[in-house]
Protein backbone atom coordinates (compact mmCIF):
# COMPACT_ATOMS: atom_id res chain seq x y z
CA THR A 1 22.65 -13.79 103.72
CA THR A 2 24.95 -12.04 101.28
CA GLU A 3 28.52 -13.19 101.54
CA ILE A 4 31.08 -10.39 101.74
CA TYR A 5 34.35 -11.08 100.00
CA THR A 6 37.39 -8.88 100.29
CA LEU A 7 39.65 -8.15 97.35
CA SER A 8 43.19 -7.20 98.23
CA LEU A 9 44.05 -5.24 95.13
CA HIS A 10 47.80 -5.05 94.67
CA ASP A 11 49.31 -2.49 92.30
CA ALA A 12 52.39 -4.59 91.63
CA LEU A 13 50.17 -6.79 89.43
CA PRO A 14 49.17 -4.08 88.25
CA ILE A 15 45.47 -4.57 89.10
CA LEU A 16 44.86 -1.01 90.27
CA GLU A 17 46.33 0.31 87.03
CA ILE A 18 43.91 -1.91 85.09
CA PHE A 19 41.02 -0.39 87.01
CA ASP A 20 42.44 3.05 86.34
CA ARG A 21 42.31 2.35 82.60
CA LEU A 22 38.75 1.09 83.00
CA GLY A 23 37.77 4.34 84.69
CA ILE A 24 36.86 3.03 88.16
CA TYR A 25 40.14 3.30 90.07
CA HIS A 26 39.20 6.59 91.74
CA ARG A 27 36.04 4.99 93.16
CA ILE A 28 38.00 2.01 94.48
CA ARG A 29 40.59 4.34 96.00
CA ASP A 30 37.97 6.53 97.67
CA LYS A 31 35.89 3.64 99.06
CA GLY A 32 38.58 1.10 99.91
CA VAL A 33 41.24 1.08 102.60
CA THR A 34 44.78 1.85 101.46
CA TRP A 35 47.44 0.19 103.55
CA SER A 36 51.04 -0.88 103.17
CA VAL A 37 52.25 -2.11 106.59
CA GLY A 38 51.88 -5.73 107.65
CA LYS A 39 53.10 -7.81 110.57
CA VAL A 40 53.61 -11.53 111.12
CA LEU A 41 53.23 -12.46 114.77
CA ARG A 42 53.54 -15.36 117.20
CA GLY A 43 51.61 -14.47 120.32
CA GLN A 44 52.69 -10.94 121.25
CA ASP A 45 55.98 -11.18 119.34
CA ALA A 46 56.26 -9.50 115.94
CA LEU A 47 58.43 -11.86 113.90
CA TYR A 48 58.42 -9.77 110.77
CA ARG A 49 57.22 -6.34 109.70
CA PHE A 50 56.99 -5.18 106.09
CA ASP A 51 55.98 -2.00 104.30
CA LEU A 52 54.91 -2.47 100.69
CA ALA A 53 55.28 1.26 100.06
CA GLU A 54 59.06 1.01 100.43
CA GLY A 55 60.58 1.06 96.97
CA SER A 56 57.21 1.36 95.23
CA ARG A 57 57.47 3.50 92.07
CA SER A 58 53.92 3.13 90.83
CA ALA A 59 51.39 5.89 90.32
CA GLN A 60 48.95 3.85 92.44
CA PRO A 61 49.33 2.88 96.11
CA PRO A 62 50.73 -0.58 96.91
CA PHE A 63 47.55 -2.11 98.31
CA ILE A 64 43.82 -1.45 98.69
CA ASN A 65 41.35 -3.63 100.59
CA ILE A 66 37.77 -3.45 99.38
CA GLN A 67 34.75 -5.74 99.42
CA GLN A 68 34.13 -7.56 96.15
CA PHE A 69 30.57 -6.31 95.79
CA TYR A 70 31.84 -2.73 95.58
CA VAL A 71 34.11 -3.63 92.67
CA GLU A 72 31.19 -5.34 90.94
CA TRP A 73 28.99 -2.30 91.62
CA PHE A 74 31.55 0.10 90.15
CA LEU A 75 32.08 -2.10 87.10
CA VAL A 76 28.32 -2.27 86.45
CA ASP A 77 28.04 1.51 86.75
CA ARG A 78 30.92 1.93 84.30
CA ILE A 79 29.38 -0.49 81.79
CA ARG A 80 26.16 1.51 81.94
CA GLU A 81 28.08 4.77 81.44
CA LEU A 82 29.77 3.42 78.31
CA GLY A 83 26.45 2.26 76.88
CA ILE A 84 27.94 -0.31 74.50
CA THR A 85 27.24 -3.58 76.36
CA ASP A 86 24.08 -5.44 77.33
CA LEU A 87 23.68 -6.52 80.94
CA ARG A 88 21.04 -9.24 81.08
CA TRP A 89 20.08 -9.96 84.67
CA LYS A 90 18.45 -13.28 85.61
CA ASN A 91 19.70 -14.85 82.38
CA ARG A 92 21.42 -18.21 82.73
CA VAL A 93 23.37 -20.12 80.08
CA THR A 94 22.23 -23.75 80.06
CA SER A 95 23.98 -25.21 77.02
CA ILE A 96 26.39 -24.42 74.22
CA ARG A 97 27.31 -25.76 70.82
CA GLN A 98 30.13 -24.47 68.68
CA ASP A 99 31.81 -24.90 65.34
CA GLY A 100 34.74 -23.29 63.57
CA ASP A 101 32.86 -20.02 62.99
CA GLY A 102 31.28 -19.35 66.36
CA ALA A 103 29.09 -20.64 69.17
CA VAL A 104 25.41 -20.76 69.99
CA LEU A 105 24.31 -20.43 73.60
CA THR A 106 20.97 -21.48 75.01
CA VAL A 107 19.91 -18.98 77.63
CA GLU A 108 17.11 -19.34 80.20
CA ALA A 109 15.44 -16.02 81.07
CA PRO A 110 12.31 -14.99 83.01
CA ASP A 111 10.40 -14.62 79.73
CA GLY A 112 11.58 -17.96 78.39
CA ALA A 113 14.60 -19.52 76.70
CA TYR A 114 16.35 -18.05 73.67
CA SER A 115 19.44 -18.67 71.55
CA LEU A 116 22.41 -16.31 71.42
CA GLU A 117 25.00 -16.46 68.65
CA ALA A 118 28.55 -15.37 69.38
CA ASP A 119 31.85 -15.27 67.54
CA TRP A 120 33.68 -15.82 70.84
CA VAL A 121 32.57 -16.77 74.34
CA ILE A 122 34.37 -15.80 77.55
CA ASP A 123 33.31 -17.93 80.50
CA ALA A 124 33.75 -16.10 83.80
CA SER A 125 30.95 -17.95 85.59
CA GLY A 126 32.99 -19.39 88.46
CA HIS A 127 34.15 -22.78 89.67
CA ALA A 128 30.80 -24.52 88.88
CA SER A 129 30.83 -23.39 85.24
CA THR A 130 27.81 -24.61 83.26
CA ILE A 131 29.63 -24.08 79.96
CA ARG A 132 32.65 -26.07 81.05
CA ASN A 133 30.41 -28.92 82.19
CA ALA A 134 28.31 -28.77 78.99
CA LEU A 135 31.48 -29.17 76.94
CA GLY A 136 32.48 -32.17 79.05
CA LEU A 137 35.72 -30.58 80.21
CA GLN A 138 37.29 -31.88 83.38
CA THR A 139 39.27 -30.07 86.06
CA ARG A 140 42.03 -31.37 88.29
CA GLY A 141 42.30 -30.39 91.92
CA GLU A 142 41.86 -31.24 95.55
CA LEU A 143 39.90 -30.13 98.60
CA GLY A 144 41.88 -28.42 101.32
CA GLU A 145 41.97 -30.03 104.74
CA ASP A 146 41.88 -26.73 106.62
CA ARG A 147 38.74 -25.04 107.87
CA TRP A 148 38.48 -21.30 108.49
CA CYS A 149 35.84 -18.99 109.88
CA ILE A 150 35.47 -15.31 108.99
CA SER A 151 34.00 -12.73 111.31
CA ASP A 152 33.40 -9.32 109.74
CA VAL A 153 33.24 -6.84 112.58
CA ARG A 154 32.86 -3.14 113.32
CA PHE A 155 34.65 -2.08 116.48
CA HIS A 156 33.63 0.87 118.60
CA LYS A 157 37.24 2.05 118.81
CA ASP A 158 39.90 2.26 116.11
CA LEU A 159 42.59 -0.35 115.54
CA PRO A 160 45.85 0.23 113.63
CA VAL A 161 45.33 0.23 109.85
CA GLU A 162 47.75 -2.63 109.33
CA ARG A 163 47.46 -6.21 108.14
CA TRP A 164 48.34 -8.56 111.00
CA THR A 165 48.82 -12.31 110.69
CA TRP A 166 49.37 -14.63 113.63
CA VAL A 167 51.03 -17.93 112.75
CA GLU A 168 50.31 -19.21 116.25
CA ALA A 169 47.70 -17.18 118.11
CA PRO A 170 47.35 -18.15 121.78
CA PHE A 171 43.78 -16.82 121.74
CA ASN A 172 42.95 -19.31 118.93
CA GLU A 173 44.56 -22.44 120.42
CA ASN A 174 47.82 -21.62 118.62
CA ARG A 175 46.23 -21.63 115.18
CA ALA A 176 46.50 -18.88 112.57
CA VAL A 177 44.49 -15.63 112.54
CA TRP A 178 44.30 -12.77 110.03
CA GLN A 179 43.16 -9.25 110.87
CA HIS A 180 42.77 -6.38 108.41
CA LEU A 181 40.51 -3.41 107.72
CA MET A 182 38.00 -3.21 104.86
CA ALA A 183 35.81 -0.42 103.53
CA ASP A 184 33.08 1.10 105.74
CA GLY A 185 35.12 0.58 108.89
CA GLY A 186 34.67 -3.19 108.84
CA TRP A 187 37.41 -5.50 110.05
CA ARG A 188 37.92 -8.97 108.66
CA MET A 189 38.99 -11.41 111.35
CA ASP A 190 39.78 -14.81 109.82
CA TYR A 191 40.33 -17.73 112.22
CA GLN A 192 41.89 -21.09 111.39
CA MET A 193 39.73 -23.91 112.75
CA LEU A 194 40.34 -27.59 113.39
CA PRO A 195 39.84 -29.78 110.27
CA ASN A 196 36.76 -31.47 111.75
CA THR A 197 35.07 -28.24 112.84
CA ASP A 198 31.30 -28.09 112.31
CA PRO A 199 30.82 -25.01 110.07
CA ASN A 200 27.34 -24.31 111.42
CA GLU A 201 28.58 -24.34 115.01
CA ALA A 202 31.62 -22.18 114.18
CA SER A 203 29.37 -19.62 112.47
CA ARG A 204 26.91 -19.11 115.31
CA PRO A 205 27.05 -15.42 116.38
CA GLU A 206 27.62 -16.26 120.04
CA VAL A 207 30.52 -18.57 119.15
CA ALA A 208 32.05 -15.92 116.88
CA ALA A 209 31.64 -13.30 119.61
CA ALA A 210 33.43 -15.55 122.09
CA ARG A 211 36.40 -15.89 119.70
CA LEU A 212 36.62 -12.13 119.36
CA ARG A 213 36.58 -11.62 123.13
CA ASP A 214 39.28 -14.25 123.56
CA GLN A 215 41.40 -12.21 121.16
CA LEU A 216 40.62 -8.64 122.23
CA GLY A 217 39.44 -8.93 125.82
CA PRO A 218 36.05 -9.29 127.56
CA ASP A 219 35.22 -5.58 127.43
CA VAL A 220 35.68 -5.03 123.71
CA GLU A 221 32.67 -3.42 122.06
CA PHE A 222 31.81 -4.52 118.54
CA ASP A 223 29.01 -5.27 116.09
CA LEU A 224 29.07 -8.49 114.08
CA VAL A 225 28.37 -7.79 110.40
CA TRP A 226 28.70 -11.30 108.99
CA VAL A 227 30.10 -14.69 110.02
CA GLY A 228 30.88 -17.55 107.66
CA ALA A 229 32.93 -20.74 107.77
CA TYR A 230 34.68 -22.03 104.68
CA ALA A 231 37.14 -24.53 103.29
CA TYR A 232 39.24 -24.01 100.19
CA ARG A 233 40.02 -26.08 97.14
CA THR A 234 42.30 -26.10 94.14
CA GLN A 235 40.92 -26.63 90.67
CA LEU A 236 42.54 -26.31 87.26
CA ILE A 237 41.28 -26.91 83.74
CA ASP A 238 43.67 -28.47 81.22
CA GLU A 239 43.04 -26.02 78.38
CA PHE A 240 42.10 -22.38 78.95
CA ARG A 241 40.86 -22.17 75.35
CA HIS A 242 38.41 -24.66 73.87
CA GLY A 243 37.57 -23.71 70.30
CA ARG A 244 35.63 -20.45 70.46
CA VAL A 245 35.42 -20.50 74.26
CA PHE A 246 37.89 -19.00 76.74
CA PHE A 247 37.83 -19.74 80.46
CA ILE A 248 38.93 -17.05 82.89
CA GLY A 249 38.99 -16.67 86.67
CA ASP A 250 37.49 -19.46 88.77
CA ALA A 251 36.04 -21.11 85.67
CA ALA A 252 39.66 -21.92 84.76
CA HIS A 253 41.45 -22.09 88.09
CA VAL A 254 40.60 -22.06 91.79
CA LYS A 255 43.09 -21.66 94.58
CA SER A 256 43.20 -20.92 98.29
CA PRO A 257 43.02 -17.24 99.30
CA PHE A 258 46.58 -16.97 100.62
CA GLY A 259 48.39 -13.95 99.17
CA ALA A 260 45.34 -12.48 97.40
CA ARG A 261 45.94 -14.67 94.33
CA GLY A 262 42.31 -15.44 93.50
CA GLY A 263 40.42 -12.37 92.33
CA ASN A 264 43.64 -10.62 91.34
CA SER A 265 44.69 -13.41 88.97
CA GLY A 266 41.17 -13.51 87.47
CA ILE A 267 41.47 -9.83 86.64
CA GLN A 268 44.84 -10.55 85.03
CA ASP A 269 43.20 -13.27 82.94
CA ALA A 270 40.63 -10.81 81.66
CA GLU A 271 43.23 -8.15 80.85
CA ASN A 272 45.45 -10.67 79.08
CA LEU A 273 42.61 -11.84 76.86
CA ALA A 274 40.97 -8.45 76.28
CA TRP A 275 43.80 -6.78 74.36
CA LYS A 276 44.35 -9.85 72.23
CA LEU A 277 40.68 -10.11 71.31
CA THR A 278 40.65 -6.40 70.53
CA LEU A 279 43.50 -6.76 68.04
CA VAL A 280 41.88 -9.80 66.41
CA LEU A 281 38.43 -8.19 66.17
CA THR A 282 39.89 -5.01 64.65
CA GLY A 283 41.91 -6.99 62.10
CA GLN A 284 45.28 -5.98 63.56
CA ALA A 285 46.32 -9.51 64.52
CA PRO A 286 45.59 -13.06 63.34
CA GLU A 287 43.33 -15.38 65.31
CA THR A 288 46.36 -17.46 66.25
CA LEU A 289 47.27 -14.69 68.71
CA LEU A 290 44.45 -15.99 70.91
CA ASP A 291 46.31 -19.26 71.48
CA SER A 292 48.80 -17.31 73.58
CA TYR A 293 46.12 -16.73 76.24
CA HIS A 294 46.42 -20.37 77.32
CA ALA A 295 50.20 -20.34 76.83
CA GLU A 296 50.59 -17.40 79.23
CA ARG A 297 47.80 -17.73 81.78
CA ARG A 298 47.79 -21.45 82.52
CA PRO A 299 51.44 -21.46 83.70
CA ALA A 300 50.53 -18.45 85.87
CA ALA A 301 47.68 -20.45 87.41
CA VAL A 302 49.95 -23.45 88.02
CA GLU A 303 52.44 -21.17 89.77
CA ASN A 304 49.75 -19.53 91.91
CA ILE A 305 48.35 -22.89 92.99
CA ALA A 306 51.81 -24.16 93.92
CA VAL A 307 52.59 -21.01 95.93
CA THR A 308 49.30 -21.06 97.83
CA ARG A 309 49.65 -24.79 98.51
CA ARG A 310 53.03 -24.14 100.15
CA SER A 311 51.48 -21.38 102.26
CA GLY A 312 48.75 -23.76 103.37
CA ARG A 313 51.31 -26.34 104.44
CA PHE A 314 53.17 -23.73 106.48
CA LEU A 315 50.01 -22.60 108.26
CA ALA A 316 48.79 -26.17 108.79
CA PRO A 317 51.77 -28.54 108.84
CA ARG A 318 50.85 -32.05 107.72
CA THR A 319 53.77 -33.87 109.35
CA GLU A 320 55.88 -33.54 112.47
CA ILE A 321 58.89 -32.60 110.33
CA GLU A 322 56.93 -29.73 108.76
CA ARG A 323 55.88 -28.52 112.20
CA MET A 324 59.47 -28.68 113.46
CA PHE A 325 60.60 -26.67 110.44
CA ARG A 326 57.95 -24.01 111.10
CA THR A 327 58.90 -23.76 114.77
CA ALA A 328 62.59 -23.39 113.86
CA VAL A 329 61.78 -20.65 111.33
CA MET A 330 59.77 -18.68 113.90
CA ASP A 331 62.47 -19.08 116.55
CA LEU A 332 65.15 -17.84 114.15
CA ALA A 333 63.04 -15.01 112.71
CA VAL A 334 63.15 -13.04 115.95
CA ASP A 335 66.87 -12.27 115.47
CA HIS A 336 67.81 -13.35 111.93
CA PRO A 337 66.51 -11.55 108.83
CA PHE A 338 67.08 -14.55 106.53
CA ALA A 339 64.54 -16.60 108.50
CA ARG A 340 61.87 -13.91 108.13
CA LEU A 341 61.86 -14.59 104.41
CA LEU A 342 60.80 -18.17 105.19
CA LEU A 343 57.70 -17.09 107.14
CA ASN A 344 55.09 -18.20 104.64
CA THR A 345 51.70 -16.86 105.67
CA GLY A 346 50.78 -16.12 102.08
CA ARG A 347 53.17 -14.86 99.40
CA MET A 348 51.64 -11.68 98.02
CA CYS A 349 50.41 -11.97 94.48
CA VAL A 350 52.97 -10.74 91.97
CA PRO A 351 52.87 -10.60 88.18
CA TYR A 352 53.73 -13.81 86.40
CA PRO A 353 56.65 -13.16 84.00
CA TYR A 354 55.90 -14.27 80.45
CA THR A 355 59.52 -15.12 79.75
CA GLN A 356 58.56 -18.39 78.01
CA SER A 357 55.69 -16.88 76.04
CA PRO A 358 55.69 -17.25 72.25
CA LEU A 359 55.03 -13.49 72.14
CA THR A 360 58.18 -12.49 74.02
CA THR A 361 61.46 -11.45 72.42
CA GLY A 362 64.66 -12.22 74.29
CA ASP A 363 64.75 -12.05 78.07
CA ALA A 364 61.64 -9.85 78.42
CA GLY A 365 58.18 -10.80 79.72
CA GLN A 366 58.27 -9.07 83.11
CA ALA A 367 55.52 -6.69 84.23
CA MET A 368 56.49 -3.04 84.27
CA PRO A 369 55.75 -0.84 87.29
CA ASN A 370 53.29 1.92 86.47
CA LEU A 371 55.99 4.58 86.46
CA THR A 372 55.28 8.23 85.88
CA LEU A 373 57.40 9.62 83.07
CA GLY A 374 57.14 13.36 82.85
CA THR A 375 53.47 14.09 83.48
CA HIS A 376 52.00 10.72 82.43
CA SER A 377 52.14 7.21 83.87
CA LEU A 378 52.86 4.27 81.59
CA GLY A 379 49.30 3.10 82.06
CA GLY A 380 48.04 6.56 81.19
CA MET A 381 49.99 6.50 77.94
CA LEU A 382 48.31 3.22 77.02
CA ARG A 383 44.81 4.30 78.02
CA GLY A 384 42.35 4.40 75.14
CA ASP A 385 39.85 2.43 73.11
CA GLY A 386 42.40 0.30 71.29
CA ALA A 387 45.13 -2.11 72.31
CA ASP A 388 48.28 -0.23 71.43
CA PHE A 389 51.82 -1.20 72.31
CA LEU A 390 54.16 1.47 73.67
CA ALA A 391 57.70 1.89 72.36
CA LEU A 392 59.81 3.83 74.86
CA TRP A 393 62.83 5.16 72.99
CA TYR A 394 65.92 6.65 74.63
CA PRO A 395 67.55 8.62 71.79
CA ARG A 396 71.25 9.24 71.61
CA ASP A 397 72.40 12.85 71.61
CA GLY A 398 71.32 14.54 68.40
CA GLU A 399 69.52 11.45 67.08
CA ASP A 400 66.01 11.62 65.65
CA GLY A 401 66.13 9.19 62.74
CA LEU A 402 64.86 6.17 64.65
CA GLY A 403 61.89 8.10 66.01
CA SER A 404 60.79 9.03 62.50
CA THR A 405 61.21 5.45 61.32
CA LEU A 406 59.19 4.12 64.24
CA SER A 407 56.44 6.59 63.39
CA HIS A 408 56.24 4.94 59.96
CA LEU A 409 55.22 1.71 61.70
CA ILE A 410 52.14 3.50 63.03
CA HIS A 411 51.28 4.77 59.55
CA ASP A 412 51.65 1.19 58.29
CA GLY A 413 48.87 0.10 60.66
CA TRP A 414 50.85 -1.36 63.54
CA PRO A 415 49.12 -0.85 66.96
CA LEU A 416 51.89 1.32 68.38
CA GLN A 417 52.64 4.52 70.20
CA VAL A 418 56.16 5.93 70.37
CA GLN A 419 57.43 7.93 73.33
CA PRO A 420 60.97 9.31 73.63
CA VAL A 421 62.39 9.41 77.14
CA GLY A 422 65.06 11.61 78.65
CA ALA A 423 68.15 10.65 80.60
CA ASP A 424 66.47 10.59 84.04
CA ASP A 425 63.56 8.46 82.88
CA GLY A 426 65.86 6.23 80.88
CA LEU A 427 67.93 5.63 84.00
CA ALA A 428 64.79 4.80 86.02
CA LEU A 429 63.85 2.26 83.34
CA GLY A 430 67.32 0.72 83.19
CA MET A 431 67.88 1.93 79.63
CA ALA A 432 70.99 3.15 77.89
CA ALA A 433 71.03 5.61 74.99
CA GLY A 434 69.84 3.94 71.80
CA ALA A 435 67.58 1.44 73.60
CA VAL A 436 63.89 0.72 73.01
CA LEU A 437 61.48 -0.94 75.42
CA LEU A 438 58.42 -2.41 73.74
CA ILE A 439 55.58 -2.59 76.27
CA ARG A 440 52.41 -4.59 75.72
CA PRO A 441 48.91 -3.20 76.37
CA ASP A 442 48.86 -5.12 79.69
CA LEU A 443 52.13 -3.43 80.80
CA HIS A 444 54.25 -6.55 80.35
CA LEU A 445 57.54 -6.08 78.56
CA ALA A 446 57.42 -7.57 75.06
CA ALA A 447 61.05 -6.79 74.17
CA ARG A 448 64.10 -5.04 75.52
CA LEU A 449 66.24 -3.87 72.60
CA PRO A 450 69.52 -2.36 73.87
CA ASP A 451 70.76 -1.03 70.53
CA ALA A 452 67.58 -0.83 68.53
CA ASP A 453 66.79 -0.23 64.92
CA ALA A 454 63.43 -0.10 63.21
CA GLU A 455 63.62 -3.66 61.88
CA GLN A 456 64.23 -5.05 65.37
CA VAL A 457 61.22 -3.17 66.67
CA ARG A 458 59.09 -4.35 63.76
CA HIS A 459 60.13 -7.96 64.34
CA ALA A 460 59.43 -7.79 68.08
CA LEU A 461 56.05 -6.17 67.41
CA ALA A 462 55.18 -8.83 64.86
CA ARG A 463 56.07 -11.54 67.36
CA ALA A 464 54.09 -9.87 70.16
CA THR A 465 50.96 -9.64 68.00
CA GLY A 466 51.16 -13.23 66.77
CA ARG A 467 52.13 -12.38 63.20
CA THR A 468 55.28 -14.52 63.29
């Protein structure tokens, strides 16, 4: 049986913009389900309704649900189109040794074992990483007490294209339930089980069908696509870089699925590391820039684990006090907006601000929305084969000197593009005349320079590329 995972791809990360730069966003958009409205319910009562489209300024929609295998499919197709990367199926890394100049992998393949030399190794092999184990690296974490059971279903009549979450569902013995639409007309129904639930019993088709009829009525017509029970864990490696090896995604950190913080944060890991490796490999940055991958992405993983742990405690209170708190929040949420903010069924994944990063100048570090300025989005301006930074410059009336000086930085070999902005775009970006925003290749803000000159921009760029 092939497991079917769902990725909730959230543009505020901006994951969809990353896929746009990779050339597969249009396929994800066309195959996936775009939604923005969600509800948190207790029984028949809607405690909270939200619309992610409200206030969104991005060129991409706020949210797309799509099965993980489609994303993998589209990525494989794109790799083949580019024709610059080997895909070696049925090859398995079994050991690794490394020194200061590189690493040597031992790979088992159908035709026998072979050695593979590499300057750098990126381990994206999941929570049971062979490389991590071969290097003797430990992870810290815990097993979750909760048990859940997914039923992927196709209904014979349409349901609202909204994401619904029951904190206490009477049709599931007052335990939590998620309901949302995926690609191909499939609905994911995710039921919270008792901690001692037998996963084999919970996954039997007739048992899953009975749960669905308890929820939707005895006459509902549906086809079961897949049923699977699961528990979740947290897992975190101490160092995201170990010599010539970088750990990304589940090889570095594992968390519960609340708020779509798993696959999304793994994609952020890859984007964070990719532009830095590009600059190092092209000689535009020193190798010390790569240390910032750990400095930026491990705190993000710590934050995501803490947030998802709090969501888990809200959905499955461990003490009577926690249960009383949850009941009080739900009672108040019906009439009081402040209490709705305390309904914690999974805080949606948001970008981690790199305010404490060694690459950040001043109070920057936040992720930029993928705004459209003129006829191009910010992500579109950064699209290309390199890893350029983008300097958005709001010139004062009649000023052009700074623009010419910034262009000299490009001629001097700095990875930079310069884009002047007008009054309307400057206002949308929170800029005043004379300001420069220096944006990293991953759309995080490297520096906000209110009254900029060329030396300030040069210094911020040097810091952001690890040269100082």
